[in-house]
Amino acid sequence: MKAAVDTNLLVYAEGLNSDDRRREARALLQRLNGRAVLPAQVVFELFNVLMRKGQRSPVEARWAALQWCEQFPLLEVADGSTWVALELVEECRLSVWDAIVLATAELGQCQVLLSEDLQHGFCWRGVTVVNPFAAPQHPLLEALLAGD
């Protein structure tokens, strides 16, 4: 099973929330090593958030984003993802940016999108949105982490 990681997990792991959430996010991301990918849109969003909210310089934000790209394979926007994303916006009323992340995850053959921003349990074309901080843990997240 393969998961796509949404921006909020990386933002938390970078310490832009509470220390507890930072520890939780980092522990989860460490356990996902080898079973998760980063949609390219997530890397761009992380860069932007680190500069805007995190007050980091472009050099610091770029360095942080590239560090995550070294830990997780980058899932580039695939051919056809624009049309899939527009379909998601129209049919499911997602933001364009969330739709690109979900479309990229689907075209990258991910079964899970780990996100706190989208509706927990929402399933689209075989990709289920799972809030990794929800209790109880979603069965797909349990299965994903069982590979430890």
Foldseek 3Di string as FASTA:
>chain_A
DAEEEAQVLLCLCVPLDDPVSVVVSVVLLVLLQPRYAYEPLSLVVQLVCCVPSVVDDSVVSNVSSVVVCVRHPYQYQDPPQQVQLVVCCVPVVDDSSVSSSVSSCLVVVHQEYADPPDDQQDDDNNYGYHPCPDPPGDPVSVVSSVVD
